[in-house]
Amino acid sequence: MKNHLSAFSIVLLLTIMFSCKKKTLDEKLIGTWKYTSSIGGYAPTVTVIGNRQLKLTETNFQFLRDGEIVEQGTYKITDEKSWNNDPRIIFEGREEAPKQFIKVLGNKLILFSGAPIAADGVETHYTKVK
């Protein structure tokens, strides 16, 4: 009986270990993100009227305004880290702020310049749609 309990415990432990796969940053990024607000810089928190979105595939991005593509290209995540260890994203072909740092917290996405506080840079906040 003791051997059966030990074997069962080992099988259960192995099942739990291999079934709890943590998503990578790349997997978390893929999808459509709706712009919610910006904070920092010389302006207070700003929420833009209209529908702005960021669509990310495994390698491509699209910034949309009211359903129209305003910028598109490819992106990559680099090994460079911000002051608090967030990775850098580079939007190839983007005019405004092509290099930013990125943080994903559940269904929230934050793009930021890497300044230690929002007053020194700008944070752009998105919520995942799909």
Protein backbone atom coordinates (compact mmCIF):
# COMPACT_ATOMS: atom_id res chain seq x y z
CA MET A 1 0.00 0.00 0.00
CA LYS A 2 2.84 2.36 0.88
CA ASN A 3 4.50 1.70 -2.52
CA HIS A 4 1.25 2.43 -4.35
CA LEU A 5 0.87 5.74 -2.50
CA SER A 6 4.47 6.72 -3.29
CA ALA A 7 4.05 5.82 -6.96
CA PHE A 8 0.78 7.73 -7.14
CA SER A 9 2.41 10.78 -5.52
CA ILE A 10 5.28 10.74 -8.02
CA VAL A 11 2.92 10.41 -11.00
CA LEU A 12 0.75 13.24 -9.65
CA LEU A 13 3.76 15.49 -9.12
CA LEU A 14 5.09 14.83 -12.63
CA THR A 15 1.66 15.48 -14.15
CA ILE A 16 1.40 18.83 -12.37
CA MET A 17 4.93 19.85 -13.35
CA PHE A 18 4.46 19.15 -17.06
CA SER A 19 0.88 20.38 -17.41
CA CYS A 20 1.55 23.89 -16.07
CA LYS A 21 3.26 25.40 -19.10
CA LYS A 22 4.06 29.07 -18.62
CA LYS A 23 3.47 31.27 -21.69
CA THR A 24 6.47 33.04 -23.16
CA LEU A 25 6.41 36.80 -23.74
CA ASP A 26 6.04 36.18 -27.48
CA GLU A 27 2.94 34.04 -26.88
CA LYS A 28 1.45 36.66 -24.54
CA LEU A 29 1.94 39.47 -27.09
CA ILE A 30 0.15 37.87 -30.04
CA GLY A 31 -3.33 39.31 -30.53
CA THR A 32 -5.19 42.59 -30.70
CA TRP A 33 -4.63 45.27 -28.08
CA LYS A 34 -6.97 48.25 -27.56
CA TYR A 35 -5.40 51.54 -26.54
CA THR A 36 -6.69 52.79 -23.19
CA SER A 37 -4.46 55.69 -22.09
CA SER A 38 -1.06 57.36 -21.96
CA ILE A 39 0.64 58.79 -18.92
CA GLY A 40 3.83 60.74 -18.33
CA GLY A 41 6.01 63.20 -20.11
CA TYR A 42 4.84 66.80 -20.01
CA ALA A 43 1.14 65.96 -20.13
CA PRO A 44 -1.22 64.45 -17.58
CA THR A 45 -2.93 61.12 -18.24
CA VAL A 46 -4.50 61.25 -21.69
CA THR A 47 -7.21 59.02 -23.10
CA VAL A 48 -7.66 59.42 -26.84
CA ILE A 49 -11.14 59.56 -28.33
CA GLY A 50 -11.62 57.04 -31.12
CA ASN A 51 -10.58 53.47 -31.52
CA ARG A 52 -6.82 52.88 -31.53
CA GLN A 53 -5.44 49.36 -31.61
CA LEU A 54 -2.17 47.49 -31.87
CA LYS A 55 -2.24 44.11 -33.62
CA LEU A 56 0.68 41.74 -33.11
CA THR A 57 1.41 38.45 -34.84
CA GLU A 58 4.55 36.39 -34.24
CA THR A 59 6.67 38.89 -36.20
CA ASN A 60 4.45 41.71 -37.53
CA PHE A 61 2.68 44.72 -36.05
CA GLN A 62 -0.07 47.09 -37.14
CA PHE A 63 -1.08 50.31 -35.41
CA LEU A 64 -4.67 51.13 -36.32
CA ARG A 65 -6.85 54.21 -35.83
CA ASP A 66 -10.60 53.72 -36.35
CA GLY A 67 -9.91 50.51 -38.28
CA GLU A 68 -7.38 52.08 -40.68
CA ILE A 69 -3.73 50.99 -40.62
CA VAL A 70 -1.54 54.00 -39.77
CA GLU A 71 1.75 52.12 -39.28
CA GLN A 72 2.87 48.57 -39.94
CA GLY A 73 6.00 46.50 -40.17
CA THR A 74 7.90 43.85 -38.26
CA TYR A 75 9.00 43.83 -34.64
CA LYS A 76 11.51 42.00 -32.52
CA ILE A 77 12.15 41.53 -28.82
CA THR A 78 15.78 42.12 -27.89
CA ASP A 79 17.93 41.06 -24.94
CA GLU A 80 18.26 44.70 -23.81
CA LYS A 81 16.46 45.34 -20.52
CA SER A 82 14.98 48.42 -18.85
CA TRP A 83 15.96 49.63 -15.40
CA ASN A 84 13.49 47.12 -13.93
CA ASN A 85 14.34 44.20 -16.25
CA ASP A 86 11.58 44.62 -18.86
CA PRO A 87 12.63 43.65 -22.42
CA ARG A 88 12.97 46.08 -25.32
CA ILE A 89 10.71 45.85 -28.36
CA ILE A 90 11.80 47.37 -31.67
CA PHE A 91 9.13 48.23 -34.23
CA GLU A 92 10.94 48.13 -37.59
CA GLY A 93 9.49 50.75 -39.94
CA ARG A 94 7.79 52.80 -37.24
CA GLU A 95 8.39 56.56 -37.32
CA GLU A 96 7.41 57.51 -33.77
CA ALA A 97 9.10 55.72 -30.84
CA PRO A 98 10.37 52.64 -32.69
CA LYS A 99 12.34 51.45 -29.63
CA GLN A 100 10.44 50.99 -26.38
CA PHE A 101 10.34 48.67 -23.42
CA ILE A 102 7.42 46.34 -22.91
CA LYS A 103 5.54 44.84 -19.99
CA VAL A 104 2.63 42.36 -20.11
CA LEU A 105 0.57 41.94 -16.96
CA GLY A 106 -2.32 39.57 -17.61
CA ASN A 107 -4.49 41.27 -20.23
CA LYS A 108 -2.65 44.61 -19.87
CA LEU A 109 0.19 45.77 -22.14
CA ILE A 110 2.42 48.74 -21.35
CA LEU A 111 4.89 50.26 -23.81
CA PHE A 112 7.29 52.76 -22.24
CA SER A 113 10.52 54.61 -22.84
CA GLY A 114 12.34 53.03 -19.92
CA ALA A 115 12.46 55.99 -17.60
CA PRO A 116 12.23 55.01 -13.91
CA ILE A 117 9.07 57.09 -13.41
CA ALA A 118 6.31 58.14 -15.81
CA ALA A 119 7.22 61.83 -15.40
CA ASP A 120 10.53 61.13 -17.15
CA GLY A 121 8.96 59.27 -20.07
CA VAL A 122 5.65 58.17 -21.51
CA GLU A 123 3.76 54.96 -20.82
CA THR A 124 1.14 53.79 -23.32
CA HIS A 125 -1.45 51.37 -21.94
CA TYR A 126 -3.44 48.75 -23.86
CA THR A 127 -5.96 46.05 -22.94
CA LYS A 128 -6.09 42.74 -24.81
CA VAL A 129 -9.10 42.31 -27.09
CA LYS A 130 -8.43 38.86 -28.60
